[in-house]
Amino acid sequence: MQNNNFTFTGLTTEEVLYARQQHGENKLQYKKENAFTRAVTGLIKEPMVILLLAASVIYFISGNMGDAFFLAASIILVAAISLYQDNRSRNALKKLEAYTSPTCKVIRNGHTEEINSGEVVTGDFIIAEEGTTVAADGEIVQSNDFSVNESILTGESLPVYKASDSQDNKVYMGTTVGSGLAIIKTTAIGNNTKLGSIGKSLEAIKQEKTPLELQVNNFVKKMVAAGAVVFVIVWGINFYNSHSVLDSLLKALTLAMSILPEEIPVAFTTFMALGAWRLMKMGIIVKQMKTVETLGSATVICTDKTGTLTENKMSLAKIFTLSSRRIISAAHNLHADEKGLVRIAMWASEPIPFDPMEKALHDAYSKLAVEDERPLYHMAHEYPLGGKPPMMTHIFEDVAGNRIIAAKGAPEAIMAVCKLSPAEKSHVENALQEIAVEGYRVLGVAEGFFEGNNFPAKQQQLPFTFKGLVAFYDPPKKNIAHVLKAFYRA
C-alpha cells in the first residue's frame, strides 16, 4: 500500500464489502460440467476407440480370445493414459491459474493498492498503466496520453485514444493499455462486462475437430461400410450353401475382420498418448492428446518481442549531445552537458512515470543529480504527445518563478522545431543513423524558452534549442538464445 498522487480517495473497506455483496466477484462464470464425465464421454466418442471396441467384440464373438483380450487391454491402456493425462492437466491448469492470477492497481481508503483483478468491485477506481490489462468495464475520470488496444473486442489492431472528456470515454475488461495512464471508475464486473457477454455467447459454439480427426472419422466410416457389405455377402453365400446360421456367421465375421485394420488405431492412439506423456514430463501442460498433432504440424512460431524475448526493462544506454558531438555510453563518466541532457529528458517525462523509457530517464537522473530538483517544481503547463512525428512538452516552475521547458519525442519531430544549421543537422542525422542501426530506441531532446503565461496553442510554436539524443536498450532474456536454438532443433 502506498500514498497516491491523485485527487481520488476511492472506496472504503466497508463500501468494497457492500459492493461485493451486491454485485459479486469480478470473475467470468461459465457453464460448469463434470470434468471426469466430459473426459470419459469424449474418449468414448473417439473413432479410434470405437474401432478398437468393435474389433474386440467381433473377436470375442468369433472365439478368437487372444486377439480379443489384446484389443481390450489396448482400450483400457489408452483410456487410462488419456484419463490420467486429462486429470493431471486439469490440476496443473488450476494451480497455474491461481499462480498467474492477474493483478491491478486500485485506489482505496485514499491509498494505492495492488490487488487480484478478481477482487475489483463496482465503483472501484482502477489505475490503468501502459502495458497492463483493464480489469473491468468502466469510465475514464482522469487520463494522460491514454490509448487502449481493443482488438480482443473489435479486431481492430490500432490503439484508440480516449480521455475523460472525449465522446468515447469507456474502457472494457480484457483490453490492453497501449500508452499513458488513466483512472477508471468501474461500472461493470464479471459476466456483466462486454467480454463476459461475448464469453457467454461462445458457449453455444461447438468445438471443431482437427484435420486428422476428420480423416480418421472418414476412414472408420469407409472401413465399417466395407466390412458390413463383405459381411452380408459372405454370410449370404455361406448360408445358401451350408444352411447353418452359426457357421455362416463365424465365417462372415472372420472375413469382415480382415478388412478392419485394428492395429493402426492401436499404434496411432498409443503414439499420441505417449507424445502427450513425454510433453508432460518436460513440464508442458497438455489438455488433450490432439495437442500433439497440432504441435507436430506447426511450421511457424509467431512471438511477441517486448517482455517475451526481452526483459521489458528499458535502460538508458547511449547519449549524444550536439555540443560535444560524441556518442557515449550512459554508464561512462558524463560531462556537464551530457548530464544536462539527461536532466532535460527527465523533465520532458511524466512526473509519475509509467512508460519504461520515462522510468529509465528518472532512474538515470536520480543517479546523476547531486541535488534532486523534482520536489521543488510543479507542472505549470503540459503539451501531451501529439503531432506526426510525435513529441511532447512539459513546462515546470518553482515558487520563485524559475521555469523549465523540456521536450522529447521522435528525433525528426524535435529537429523540425529547432533551428539547426545544415552542419548541425548533418551531425545529428549521422549520430541518429549510427545509434539506430544498433537496434536502440532513440528519442530527441530539446529545451525551450518562453516568457509569460500566454502559452501558444501548439507546442511546435515554442522556441526550442536542440540538446541531443538519448538511446534506450531492452536487453534480451538470459536464456532466450537457448530457447530459439531449441525451436530450430525442433
Protein backbone atom coordinates (compact mmCIF):
# COMPACT_ATOMS: atom_id res chain seq x y z
CA MET A 1 0.00 0.00 0.00
CA GLN A 2 1.28 3.47 -0.83
CA ASN A 3 0.01 7.01 -0.84
CA ASN A 4 -1.48 8.05 -4.17
CA ASN A 5 -0.80 11.29 -6.01
CA PHE A 6 -4.33 11.56 -7.36
CA THR A 7 -7.34 13.53 -6.19
CA PHE A 8 -9.46 10.41 -5.65
CA THR A 9 -9.75 8.61 -2.32
CA GLY A 10 -11.58 5.58 -3.72
CA LEU A 11 -13.90 3.22 -1.87
CA THR A 12 -13.64 2.46 1.80
CA THR A 13 -13.31 -1.09 3.09
CA GLU A 14 -16.98 -1.13 4.09
CA GLU A 15 -18.07 0.10 0.65
CA VAL A 16 -15.98 -2.62 -1.00
CA LEU A 17 -17.66 -5.34 1.07
CA TYR A 18 -21.12 -3.94 0.34
CA ALA A 19 -20.42 -3.70 -3.41
CA ARG A 20 -19.17 -7.31 -3.44
CA GLN A 21 -22.35 -8.46 -1.72
CA GLN A 22 -24.48 -6.59 -4.25
CA HIS A 23 -22.66 -7.46 -7.48
CA GLY A 24 -20.48 -10.49 -6.70
CA GLU A 25 -16.89 -11.10 -7.72
CA ASN A 26 -15.11 -9.90 -10.83
CA LYS A 27 -14.91 -13.34 -12.41
CA LEU A 28 -16.32 -14.73 -15.64
CA GLN A 29 -18.73 -17.54 -14.78
CA TYR A 30 -19.42 -20.12 -17.45
CA LYS A 31 -21.48 -23.27 -17.70
CA LYS A 32 -19.93 -25.92 -15.48
CA GLU A 33 -19.82 -29.62 -16.22
CA ASN A 34 -18.20 -32.62 -14.58
CA ALA A 35 -14.66 -32.79 -15.93
CA PHE A 36 -14.34 -36.59 -15.46
CA THR A 37 -17.67 -37.28 -17.17
CA ARG A 38 -16.68 -34.99 -20.04
CA ALA A 39 -13.34 -36.77 -20.42
CA VAL A 40 -14.97 -40.25 -20.43
CA THR A 41 -17.65 -39.13 -22.90
CA GLY A 42 -15.05 -37.59 -25.20
CA LEU A 43 -12.97 -40.78 -25.02
CA ILE A 44 -15.94 -43.00 -25.92
CA LYS A 45 -16.69 -40.80 -28.93
CA GLU A 46 -13.14 -41.14 -30.27
CA PRO A 47 -13.38 -43.01 -33.61
CA MET A 48 -10.21 -44.98 -32.92
CA VAL A 49 -11.57 -46.23 -29.59
CA ILE A 50 -14.87 -47.16 -31.26
CA LEU A 51 -12.96 -49.12 -33.92
CA LEU A 52 -10.91 -50.97 -31.29
CA LEU A 53 -14.05 -51.77 -29.30
CA ALA A 54 -15.87 -53.07 -32.38
CA ALA A 55 -12.90 -55.23 -33.36
CA SER A 56 -12.61 -56.62 -29.83
CA VAL A 57 -16.30 -57.55 -29.70
CA ILE A 58 -16.08 -59.31 -33.06
CA TYR A 59 -13.08 -61.31 -31.89
CA PHE A 60 -14.95 -62.32 -28.74
CA ILE A 61 -17.94 -63.46 -30.83
CA SER A 62 -15.73 -65.38 -33.24
CA GLY A 63 -13.95 -67.12 -30.35
CA ASN A 64 -10.50 -65.62 -31.02
CA MET A 65 -9.85 -64.88 -27.37
CA GLY A 66 -6.16 -63.99 -27.72
CA ASP A 67 -6.77 -61.09 -30.13
CA ALA A 68 -9.93 -60.12 -28.25
CA PHE A 69 -8.10 -59.73 -24.94
CA PHE A 70 -5.22 -57.92 -26.66
CA LEU A 71 -7.56 -55.30 -28.11
CA ALA A 72 -9.49 -54.99 -24.84
CA ALA A 73 -6.21 -54.42 -22.99
CA SER A 74 -5.28 -51.78 -25.60
CA ILE A 75 -8.56 -49.95 -24.99
CA ILE A 76 -8.00 -49.99 -21.22
CA LEU A 77 -4.40 -48.78 -21.62
CA VAL A 78 -5.35 -45.94 -23.96
CA ALA A 79 -8.27 -44.93 -21.71
CA ALA A 80 -6.10 -45.00 -18.59
CA ILE A 81 -3.38 -42.83 -20.16
CA SER A 82 -5.93 -40.36 -21.56
CA LEU A 83 -7.89 -40.01 -18.30
CA TYR A 84 -4.72 -39.73 -16.19
CA GLN A 85 -3.29 -37.13 -18.57
CA ASP A 86 -6.55 -35.16 -18.52
CA ASN A 87 -6.65 -35.20 -14.73
CA ARG A 88 -3.00 -34.09 -14.42
CA SER A 89 -3.59 -31.30 -16.93
CA ARG A 90 -6.69 -30.03 -15.12
CA ASN A 91 -4.89 -29.97 -11.78
CA ALA A 92 -1.86 -28.23 -13.27
CA LEU A 93 -4.04 -25.65 -15.01
CA LYS A 94 -5.85 -24.88 -11.76
CA LYS A 95 -2.54 -24.29 -10.00
CA LEU A 96 -1.22 -22.24 -12.92
CA GLU A 97 -4.41 -20.16 -12.98
CA ALA A 98 -4.01 -19.35 -9.30
CA TYR A 99 -0.31 -18.59 -9.74
CA THR A 100 -0.77 -16.30 -12.76
CA SER A 101 -3.86 -14.53 -11.48
CA PRO A 102 -3.68 -11.02 -12.96
CA THR A 103 -3.34 -8.04 -10.64
CA CYS A 104 -4.28 -4.40 -10.95
CA LYS A 105 -3.85 -1.17 -9.01
CA VAL A 106 -6.84 0.45 -7.33
CA ILE A 107 -7.36 3.45 -5.09
CA ARG A 108 -8.99 2.55 -1.78
CA ASN A 109 -9.12 4.38 1.51
CA GLY A 110 -7.02 7.15 -0.03
CA HIS A 111 -4.15 4.78 -0.85
CA THR A 112 -2.97 2.91 -3.95
CA GLU A 113 -3.22 -0.85 -3.54
CA GLU A 114 -2.31 -3.75 -5.81
CA ILE A 115 -4.95 -6.49 -5.72
CA ASN A 116 -6.03 -9.51 -7.74
CA SER A 117 -8.27 -8.47 -10.61
CA GLY A 118 -10.97 -10.79 -9.28
CA GLU A 119 -11.28 -8.61 -6.17
CA VAL A 120 -12.29 -5.48 -8.13
CA VAL A 121 -15.83 -4.30 -7.30
CA THR A 122 -18.26 -1.90 -8.93
CA GLY A 123 -17.29 1.68 -8.04
CA ASP A 124 -13.57 0.95 -7.64
CA PHE A 125 -11.08 3.44 -9.09
CA ILE A 126 -8.62 1.43 -11.21
CA ILE A 127 -5.22 2.82 -12.21
CA ALA A 128 -4.62 1.59 -15.77
CA GLU A 129 -1.00 1.97 -16.90
CA GLU A 130 0.82 1.24 -20.13
CA GLY A 131 1.19 -2.49 -20.76
CA THR A 132 -1.44 -3.57 -18.23
CA THR A 133 -4.79 -5.21 -18.91
CA VAL A 134 -8.00 -3.42 -17.94
CA ALA A 135 -9.61 -5.44 -15.14
CA ALA A 136 -13.26 -4.36 -15.60
CA ASP A 137 -15.57 -2.16 -17.65
CA GLY A 138 -15.57 1.49 -16.60
CA GLU A 139 -15.45 5.17 -17.43
CA ILE A 140 -12.32 7.31 -17.58
CA VAL A 141 -12.33 10.03 -14.92
CA GLN A 142 -8.74 11.19 -15.44
CA SER A 143 -6.19 10.37 -18.11
CA ASN A 144 -2.87 11.33 -19.61
CA ASP A 145 -1.85 10.36 -23.18
CA PHE A 146 -4.09 7.33 -22.74
CA SER A 147 -4.71 4.82 -25.52
CA VAL A 148 -6.10 1.30 -25.37
CA ASN A 149 -5.91 -1.69 -27.68
CA GLU A 150 -9.45 -3.08 -28.09
CA SER A 151 -8.61 -5.80 -30.62
CA ILE A 152 -9.92 -8.51 -28.28
CA LEU A 153 -13.41 -6.98 -28.73
CA THR A 154 -13.33 -5.27 -32.11
CA GLY A 155 -10.50 -6.95 -34.01
CA GLU A 156 -9.01 -3.50 -34.71
CA SER A 157 -5.25 -3.66 -34.07
CA LEU A 158 -4.65 0.10 -33.90
CA PRO A 159 -4.87 1.69 -30.44
CA VAL A 160 -7.78 4.00 -29.64
CA TYR A 161 -7.02 7.26 -27.80
CA LYS A 162 -9.52 8.10 -25.08
CA ALA A 163 -9.97 10.72 -22.36
CA SER A 164 -12.49 11.66 -19.71
CA ASP A 165 -13.87 14.47 -21.87
CA SER A 166 -13.90 12.55 -25.16
CA GLN A 167 -17.07 11.22 -26.74
CA ASP A 168 -15.99 7.65 -26.09
CA ASN A 169 -14.67 7.62 -22.53
CA LYS A 170 -15.44 3.98 -21.77
CA VAL A 171 -12.92 1.14 -21.44
CA TYR A 172 -13.59 -2.57 -21.26
CA MET A 173 -12.34 -5.64 -19.46
CA GLY A 174 -9.61 -7.58 -21.27
CA THR A 175 -8.37 -4.66 -23.37
CA THR A 176 -4.73 -3.66 -23.12
CA VAL A 177 -3.39 -0.19 -22.35
CA GLY A 178 -1.23 0.91 -25.27
CA SER A 179 0.14 4.11 -23.79
CA GLY A 180 -0.35 6.59 -20.98
CA LEU A 181 -2.22 6.31 -17.73
CA ALA A 182 -5.87 6.62 -16.74
CA ILE A 183 -8.04 6.47 -13.64
CA ILE A 184 -11.11 4.35 -14.43
CA LYS A 185 -14.27 4.19 -12.34
CA THR A 186 -15.62 0.64 -12.56
CA THR A 187 -19.18 0.32 -13.88
CA ALA A 188 -19.45 -3.43 -14.58
CA ILE A 189 -17.60 -6.57 -13.48
CA GLY A 190 -17.62 -10.29 -14.29
CA ASN A 191 -20.30 -11.55 -16.64
CA ASN A 192 -21.88 -8.09 -16.84
CA THR A 193 -18.90 -6.79 -18.84
CA LYS A 194 -18.74 -6.79 -22.62
CA LEU A 195 -16.11 -9.54 -22.52
CA GLY A 196 -18.38 -11.56 -20.24
CA SER A 197 -21.31 -11.30 -22.63
CA ILE A 198 -19.09 -12.46 -25.50
CA GLY A 199 -17.87 -15.37 -23.39
CA LYS A 200 -21.41 -16.49 -22.67
CA SER A 201 -22.25 -16.45 -26.38
CA LEU A 202 -19.20 -18.62 -27.13
CA GLU A 203 -20.66 -21.44 -25.04
CA ALA A 204 -23.09 -22.20 -27.87
CA ILE A 205 -20.25 -22.76 -30.35
CA LYS A 206 -19.36 -26.42 -30.84
CA GLN A 207 -15.71 -27.40 -30.84
CA GLU A 208 -14.41 -28.31 -34.28
CA LYS A 209 -12.44 -31.46 -34.95
CA THR A 210 -8.84 -31.37 -36.11
CA PRO A 211 -7.93 -32.33 -39.70
CA LEU A 212 -6.52 -35.64 -38.51
CA GLU A 213 -9.68 -36.42 -36.53
CA LEU A 214 -11.77 -35.74 -39.63
CA GLN A 215 -9.56 -38.04 -41.70
CA VAL A 216 -9.76 -40.83 -39.11
CA ASN A 217 -13.55 -40.45 -38.87
CA ASN A 218 -13.85 -40.69 -42.64
CA PHE A 219 -11.55 -43.70 -42.71
CA VAL A 220 -13.51 -45.51 -39.98
CA LYS A 221 -16.83 -44.92 -41.74
CA LYS A 222 -15.50 -46.29 -45.02
CA MET A 223 -13.99 -49.35 -43.34
CA VAL A 224 -17.19 -50.07 -41.41
CA ALA A 225 -19.26 -49.73 -44.56
CA ALA A 226 -16.90 -52.00 -46.49
CA GLY A 227 -16.84 -54.56 -43.67
CA ALA A 228 -20.63 -54.55 -43.43
CA VAL A 229 -21.02 -55.14 -47.18
CA VAL A 230 -18.49 -58.00 -47.15
CA PHE A 231 -20.12 -59.50 -44.05
CA VAL A 232 -23.59 -59.57 -45.63
CA ILE A 233 -22.35 -61.02 -48.93
CA VAL A 234 -20.20 -63.74 -47.33
CA TRP A 235 -22.87 -64.63 -44.79
CA GLY A 236 -25.49 -64.91 -47.56
CA ILE A 237 -23.31 -67.15 -49.75
CA ASN A 238 -22.28 -69.45 -46.87
CA PHE A 239 -25.82 -69.74 -45.53
CA TYR A 240 -27.10 -70.59 -49.02
CA ASN A 241 -24.56 -73.41 -49.30
CA SER A 242 -24.49 -74.77 -45.71
CA HIS A 243 -27.88 -73.72 -44.29
CA SER A 244 -26.03 -73.26 -40.93
CA VAL A 245 -26.62 -69.88 -39.35
CA LEU A 246 -23.77 -70.05 -36.79
CA ASP A 247 -21.16 -71.42 -39.21
CA SER A 248 -22.08 -68.85 -41.84
CA LEU A 249 -21.96 -66.04 -39.26
CA LEU A 250 -18.50 -67.03 -37.98
CA LYS A 251 -17.05 -67.26 -41.50
CA ALA A 252 -18.55 -63.90 -42.46
CA LEU A 253 -17.21 -62.25 -39.28
CA THR A 254 -13.75 -63.73 -39.86
CA LEU A 255 -13.56 -62.31 -43.37
CA ALA A 256 -15.01 -58.94 -42.33
CA MET A 257 -12.39 -58.71 -39.58
CA SER A 258 -9.62 -58.87 -42.16
CA ILE A 259 -10.87 -55.58 -43.59
CA LEU A 260 -10.73 -53.71 -40.26
CA PRO A 261 -7.11 -52.54 -39.66
CA GLU A 262 -7.31 -52.70 -35.90
CA GLU A 263 -3.51 -52.39 -35.49
CA ILE A 264 -3.49 -48.85 -36.93
CA PRO A 265 -5.71 -47.20 -34.28
CA VAL A 266 -3.85 -49.08 -31.52
CA ALA A 267 -0.49 -47.78 -32.70
CA PHE A 268 -1.77 -44.30 -33.54
CA THR A 269 -3.58 -43.77 -30.24
CA THR A 270 -0.64 -45.14 -28.28
CA PHE A 271 1.80 -42.81 -30.05
CA MET A 272 -0.45 -39.80 -29.37
CA ALA A 273 -0.79 -40.75 -25.70
CA LEU A 274 2.96 -41.30 -25.35
CA GLY A 275 3.61 -37.96 -27.05
CA ALA A 276 1.36 -36.20 -24.54
CA TRP A 277 3.06 -38.11 -21.72
CA ARG A 278 6.51 -37.05 -22.95
CA LEU A 279 5.46 -33.40 -23.13
CA MET A 280 4.09 -33.61 -19.60
CA LYS A 281 7.42 -35.00 -18.36
CA MET A 282 9.10 -31.96 -19.95
CA GLY A 283 6.85 -29.66 -17.92
CA ILE A 284 4.45 -28.83 -20.77
CA ILE A 285 0.76 -28.91 -19.90
CA VAL A 286 -1.25 -30.90 -22.47
CA LYS A 287 -5.01 -30.66 -22.04
CA GLN A 288 -5.87 -33.03 -24.89
CA MET A 289 -3.96 -35.62 -26.89
CA LYS A 290 -4.85 -33.78 -30.09
CA THR A 291 -2.37 -31.09 -28.95
CA VAL A 292 0.42 -33.46 -30.03
CA GLU A 293 -0.98 -33.46 -33.57
CA THR A 294 -1.26 -29.65 -33.65
CA LEU A 295 2.22 -29.13 -32.24
CA GLY A 296 3.70 -31.69 -34.61
CA SER A 297 2.27 -29.94 -37.66
CA ALA A 298 3.47 -26.44 -36.68
CA THR A 299 5.91 -24.86 -39.13
CA VAL A 300 5.91 -21.21 -37.98
CA ILE A 301 6.07 -19.76 -34.46
CA CYS A 302 4.88 -16.16 -34.06
CA THR A 303 6.02 -14.45 -30.88
CA ASP A 304 5.94 -11.00 -29.35
CA LYS A 305 9.29 -9.34 -28.66
CA THR A 306 8.87 -6.98 -25.73
CA GLY A 307 8.51 -8.90 -22.50
CA THR A 308 8.70 -12.25 -24.29
CA LEU A 309 12.09 -12.25 -25.94
CA THR A 310 13.29 -9.26 -23.91
CA GLU A 311 13.09 -8.37 -20.23
CA ASN A 312 10.77 -5.36 -20.85
CA LYS A 313 13.06 -3.23 -18.69
CA MET A 314 14.29 -0.19 -20.58
CA SER A 315 17.61 1.28 -19.55
CA LEU A 316 19.39 4.40 -20.78
CA ALA A 317 22.17 3.03 -22.96
CA LYS A 318 23.74 5.83 -25.04
CA ILE A 319 23.80 9.62 -25.18
CA PHE A 320 24.62 12.07 -27.96
CA THR A 321 24.94 15.78 -27.26
CA LEU A 322 25.13 18.32 -30.06
CA SER A 323 27.60 20.43 -28.11
CA SER A 324 30.20 17.65 -27.75
CA ARG A 325 29.18 15.79 -30.95
CA ARG A 326 30.11 12.46 -29.44
CA ILE A 327 28.16 9.28 -28.72
CA ILE A 328 28.92 7.88 -25.29
CA SER A 329 27.64 5.05 -23.17
CA ALA A 330 25.39 6.19 -20.33
CA ALA A 331 27.46 4.04 -17.98
CA HIS A 332 30.60 6.15 -18.52
CA ASN A 333 31.55 9.31 -16.68
CA LEU A 334 29.41 12.02 -18.24
CA HIS A 335 30.37 15.64 -18.82
CA ALA A 336 28.23 18.52 -17.60
CA ASP A 337 26.44 18.95 -20.95
CA GLU A 338 25.63 15.22 -21.08
CA LYS A 339 24.24 15.30 -17.56
CA GLY A 340 22.23 18.34 -18.60
CA LEU A 341 20.77 16.35 -21.49
CA VAL A 342 19.59 13.61 -19.11
CA ARG A 343 18.12 16.29 -16.84
CA ILE A 344 16.09 17.92 -19.65
CA ALA A 345 14.95 14.50 -20.92
CA MET A 346 13.73 13.67 -17.41
CA TRP A 347 11.77 16.93 -17.15
CA ALA A 348 10.16 16.12 -20.51
CA SER A 349 8.81 12.93 -18.92
CA GLU A 350 5.78 12.49 -16.69
CA PRO A 351 6.27 13.42 -13.01
CA ILE A 352 4.90 9.97 -12.17
CA PRO A 353 6.45 7.87 -14.96
CA PHE A 354 4.61 4.87 -16.37
CA ASP A 355 6.40 4.43 -19.70
CA PRO A 356 9.52 2.19 -19.44
CA MET A 357 11.67 4.82 -21.19
CA GLU A 358 10.49 7.58 -18.84
CA LYS A 359 11.17 5.34 -15.84
CA ALA A 360 14.68 4.81 -17.20
CA LEU A 361 15.19 8.59 -17.51
CA HIS A 362 14.02 9.21 -13.95
CA ASP A 363 16.31 6.44 -12.74
CA ALA A 364 19.29 7.85 -14.65
CA TYR A 365 18.61 11.36 -13.31
CA SER A 366 18.43 10.03 -9.72
CA LYS A 367 21.91 8.55 -10.11
CA LEU A 368 23.44 11.66 -11.72
CA ALA A 369 21.83 14.54 -9.81
CA VAL A 370 23.76 15.99 -6.91
CA GLU A 371 20.53 17.50 -5.59
CA ASP A 372 17.11 16.22 -6.60
CA GLU A 373 15.16 19.17 -8.05
CA ARG A 374 11.90 17.29 -8.63
CA PRO A 375 10.24 18.16 -5.28
CA LEU A 376 10.93 21.88 -5.90
CA TYR A 377 9.00 22.18 -9.17
CA HIS A 378 5.38 21.77 -10.19
CA MET A 379 3.95 21.37 -13.68
CA ALA A 380 2.62 24.72 -14.96
CA HIS A 381 1.58 23.61 -18.42
CA GLU A 382 1.63 20.44 -20.49
CA TYR A 383 1.50 19.63 -24.18
CA PRO A 384 0.58 15.93 -24.48
CA LEU A 385 2.08 13.59 -27.03
CA GLY A 386 0.96 14.79 -30.44
CA GLY A 387 1.94 15.59 -33.99
CA LYS A 388 3.37 13.47 -36.77
CA PRO A 389 6.06 12.51 -35.92
CA PRO A 390 5.01 12.84 -32.26
CA MET A 391 6.59 14.91 -29.50
CA MET A 392 5.59 16.14 -26.05
CA THR A 393 6.47 19.22 -23.97
CA HIS A 394 6.30 19.89 -20.23
CA ILE A 395 6.64 23.26 -18.53
CA PHE A 396 7.65 23.30 -14.85
CA GLU A 397 8.05 26.18 -12.40
CA ASP A 398 9.26 26.57 -8.83
CA VAL A 399 7.97 29.01 -6.20
CA ALA A 400 10.50 31.65 -7.32
CA GLY A 401 9.15 31.58 -10.87
CA ASN A 402 12.12 29.77 -12.36
CA ARG A 403 10.92 27.84 -15.39
CA ILE A 404 11.98 24.63 -17.13
CA ILE A 405 10.60 23.88 -20.60
CA ALA A 406 11.56 20.42 -21.81
CA ALA A 407 10.53 18.47 -24.91
CA LYS A 408 11.23 14.99 -26.18
CA GLY A 409 9.91 12.81 -28.95
CA ALA A 410 10.77 11.40 -32.34
CA PRO A 411 14.18 12.81 -33.37
CA GLU A 412 12.66 14.09 -36.64
CA ALA A 413 9.98 16.00 -34.71
CA ILE A 414 12.49 17.59 -32.32
CA MET A 415 14.85 18.52 -35.15
CA ALA A 416 11.96 20.15 -37.03
CA VAL A 417 11.15 22.57 -34.18
CA CYS A 418 14.80 23.54 -33.58
CA LYS A 419 16.72 25.92 -35.78
CA LEU A 420 19.66 23.73 -36.79
CA SER A 421 22.29 24.75 -39.29
CA PRO A 422 22.99 22.35 -42.16
CA ALA A 423 26.19 21.21 -40.44
CA GLU A 424 24.43 20.62 -37.12
CA LYS A 425 21.61 18.76 -38.85
CA SER A 426 24.15 16.53 -40.59
CA HIS A 427 25.88 15.72 -37.27
CA VAL A 428 22.57 14.79 -35.65
CA GLU A 429 21.45 12.63 -38.59
CA ASN A 430 24.77 10.77 -38.65
CA ALA A 431 24.58 10.11 -34.92
CA LEU A 432 20.95 9.01 -35.23
CA GLN A 433 21.85 6.60 -38.03
CA GLU A 434 24.78 5.16 -36.06
CA ILE A 435 22.67 4.57 -32.95
CA ALA A 436 19.57 3.31 -34.74
CA VAL A 437 21.36 0.63 -36.76
CA GLU A 438 22.44 -0.97 -33.48
CA GLY A 439 18.80 -1.57 -32.54
CA TYR A 440 18.35 1.12 -29.89
CA ARG A 441 15.16 3.09 -29.39
CA VAL A 442 16.08 6.78 -29.85
CA LEU A 443 14.43 10.00 -28.65
CA GLY A 444 15.35 13.58 -29.45
CA VAL A 445 15.54 16.11 -26.60
CA ALA A 446 15.17 19.90 -26.71
CA GLU A 447 14.98 22.76 -24.22
CA GLY A 448 12.52 25.59 -24.71
CA PHE A 449 12.33 29.23 -23.63
CA PHE A 450 9.18 31.31 -23.16
CA GLU A 451 8.25 34.35 -21.04
CA GLY A 452 4.77 34.95 -19.70
CA ASN A 453 1.81 32.64 -19.28
CA ASN A 454 0.11 33.12 -22.63
CA PHE A 455 1.37 29.80 -23.97
CA PRO A 456 0.85 29.09 -27.68
CA ALA A 457 -1.83 26.63 -28.75
CA LYS A 458 0.70 24.21 -30.25
CA GLN A 459 3.98 23.12 -28.72
CA GLN A 460 5.70 23.39 -32.10
CA GLN A 461 5.27 27.18 -31.84
CA LEU A 462 7.61 27.41 -28.83
CA PRO A 463 11.26 28.36 -29.46
CA PHE A 464 13.49 25.30 -28.85
CA THR A 465 17.19 24.55 -28.69
CA PHE A 466 18.29 21.08 -29.71
CA LYS A 467 20.13 19.32 -26.84
CA GLY A 468 20.81 15.81 -28.16
CA LEU A 469 19.66 12.21 -28.43
CA VAL A 470 19.01 9.57 -25.78
CA ALA A 471 19.04 5.86 -26.70
CA PHE A 472 17.38 3.04 -24.78
CA TYR A 473 18.01 -0.68 -24.70
CA ASP A 474 15.68 -3.51 -23.72
CA PRO A 475 18.04 -6.46 -23.16
CA PRO A 476 17.05 -9.98 -24.23
CA LYS A 477 16.28 -12.54 -21.55
CA LYS A 478 19.29 -14.52 -20.44
CA ASN A 479 18.05 -17.88 -21.74
CA ILE A 480 16.40 -16.66 -24.95
CA ALA A 481 19.30 -17.76 -27.20
CA HIS A 482 18.95 -21.32 -25.90
CA VAL A 483 15.16 -21.18 -26.42
CA LEU A 484 15.49 -20.02 -30.04
CA LYS A 485 18.07 -22.74 -30.75
CA ALA A 486 15.64 -25.28 -29.30
CA PHE A 487 12.96 -24.02 -31.70
CA TYR A 488 15.26 -24.54 -34.68
CA ARG A 489 16.29 -28.01 -33.47
CA ALA A 490 12.62 -28.97 -33.06
